[in-house]
Amino acid sequence: MPRLIVINSAGEEMVIEGQAGRSLMELMRDNGVDDLPALCGGACACATCHVWVDPAFTNRLPQMSGQENDMLECVEERRESSRLSCQLRMNDELDGIRVTVAPA
């Protein structure tokens, strides 16, 4: 199973065993990452699942959609590595991906 490494707002690291096909947001929500509100439940409508992706993995991610980009325009701490975790699906190529939960 591919692994997802999450750094929460307290700087604590958590390793999550991920199932291919599930979104990073679902994996974090279902494994107790409490500081990721994900209010819209994965509909790409709120940007509350904003994460910063380790730059080593950005070239392995799908291209950002216009809708995701529009949602990220609303966040204060957008970075080059910002993505919405609801829009990223776990797969074997992402094994070991490291994301940091962005401040709400």
Protein backbone atom coordinates (compact mmCIF):
# COMPACT_ATOMS: atom_id res chain seq x y z
CA MET A 1 0.00 0.00 0.00
CA PRO A 2 1.25 3.49 -0.78
CA ARG A 3 2.07 5.67 2.23
CA LEU A 4 1.02 9.25 2.84
CA ILE A 5 3.10 11.32 5.27
CA VAL A 6 1.22 14.23 6.85
CA ILE A 7 2.63 17.07 8.91
CA ASN A 8 -0.15 18.66 10.95
CA SER A 9 -0.37 22.24 12.21
CA ALA A 10 1.56 21.31 15.38
CA GLY A 11 4.45 20.04 13.24
CA GLU A 12 3.77 16.40 14.15
CA GLU A 13 4.31 13.79 11.47
CA MET A 14 1.84 10.97 10.84
CA VAL A 15 2.24 8.10 8.38
CA ILE A 16 -0.99 6.85 6.80
CA GLU A 17 -1.32 3.66 4.79
CA GLY A 18 -3.32 4.72 1.75
CA GLN A 19 -5.58 2.86 -0.59
CA ALA A 20 -5.10 3.60 -4.27
CA GLY A 21 -7.93 5.63 -5.75
CA ARG A 22 -8.91 7.44 -2.53
CA SER A 23 -8.25 11.14 -2.23
CA LEU A 24 -5.56 12.39 0.12
CA MET A 25 -8.30 14.37 1.90
CA GLU A 26 -10.32 11.19 2.57
CA LEU A 27 -7.25 9.39 3.87
CA MET A 28 -6.38 12.23 6.23
CA ARG A 29 -9.97 12.69 7.43
CA ASP A 30 -10.45 8.97 8.04
CA ASN A 31 -7.16 8.67 9.92
CA GLY A 32 -7.66 11.42 12.47
CA VAL A 33 -5.99 14.47 10.95
CA ASP A 34 -8.22 16.83 12.90
CA ASP A 35 -6.83 20.14 11.63
CA LEU A 36 -8.03 19.50 8.06
CA PRO A 37 -11.70 20.64 8.11
CA ALA A 38 -12.56 19.54 4.53
CA LEU A 39 -15.95 21.20 4.93
CA CYS A 40 -17.30 20.47 1.44
CA GLY A 41 -16.44 16.78 1.69
CA GLY A 42 -14.33 16.71 -1.44
CA ALA A 43 -16.42 18.75 -3.89
CA CYS A 44 -13.63 21.27 -4.60
CA ALA A 45 -15.88 24.03 -3.27
CA CYS A 46 -14.22 25.41 -0.12
CA ALA A 47 -10.38 25.11 -0.04
CA THR A 48 -10.45 23.85 3.58
CA CYS A 49 -8.39 20.81 2.59
CA HIS A 50 -5.48 22.99 1.46
CA VAL A 51 -2.07 21.33 1.79
CA TRP A 52 1.48 22.11 0.76
CA VAL A 53 2.95 19.22 -1.22
CA ASP A 54 6.62 18.32 -0.90
CA PRO A 55 8.20 19.72 -4.09
CA ALA A 56 9.78 16.31 -4.79
CA PHE A 57 6.28 15.05 -5.66
CA THR A 58 4.80 17.95 -7.63
CA ASN A 59 5.82 16.51 -11.00
CA ARG A 60 3.95 13.29 -10.15
CA LEU A 61 0.64 15.04 -9.54
CA PRO A 62 -2.11 15.64 -12.09
CA GLN A 63 -2.32 19.13 -13.51
CA MET A 64 -4.40 21.51 -11.42
CA SER A 65 -7.88 22.15 -12.79
CA GLY A 66 -9.24 25.66 -13.24
CA GLN A 67 -11.74 25.03 -10.45
CA GLU A 68 -9.01 23.98 -8.02
CA ASN A 69 -6.93 27.02 -8.98
CA ASP A 70 -9.95 29.30 -8.39
CA MET A 71 -10.48 27.82 -4.92
CA LEU A 72 -6.81 28.28 -4.06
CA GLU A 73 -7.06 31.95 -5.05
CA CYS A 74 -9.16 32.35 -1.88
CA VAL A 75 -6.50 31.14 0.57
CA GLU A 76 -4.10 33.53 2.28
CA GLU A 77 -1.08 31.25 2.46
CA ARG A 78 -0.96 29.91 -1.08
CA ARG A 79 2.43 28.66 -2.18
CA GLU A 80 3.86 27.21 -5.35
CA SER A 81 3.27 23.75 -3.81
CA SER A 82 -0.34 24.43 -2.73
CA ARG A 83 -2.98 21.90 -3.73
CA LEU A 84 -6.41 20.83 -2.52
CA SER A 85 -6.04 17.36 -1.05
CA CYS A 86 -9.54 16.42 -2.25
CA GLN A 87 -8.28 16.69 -5.83
CA LEU A 88 -5.31 14.33 -5.41
CA ARG A 89 -5.86 10.58 -5.67
CA MET A 90 -3.46 8.17 -4.00
CA ASN A 91 -1.61 5.78 -6.28
CA ASP A 92 1.56 3.71 -6.17
CA GLU A 93 3.56 6.49 -7.83
CA LEU A 94 2.77 8.75 -4.84
CA ASP A 95 4.13 6.30 -2.27
CA GLY A 96 5.82 8.36 0.43
CA ILE A 97 4.25 11.67 -0.58
CA ARG A 98 4.66 14.26 2.16
CA VAL A 99 2.08 16.98 2.65
CA THR A 100 1.79 19.73 5.25
CA VAL A 101 -1.66 20.89 6.37
CA ALA A 102 -1.81 24.59 5.53
CA PRO A 103 -3.13 27.02 8.15
CA ALA A 104 -6.88 27.55 8.00
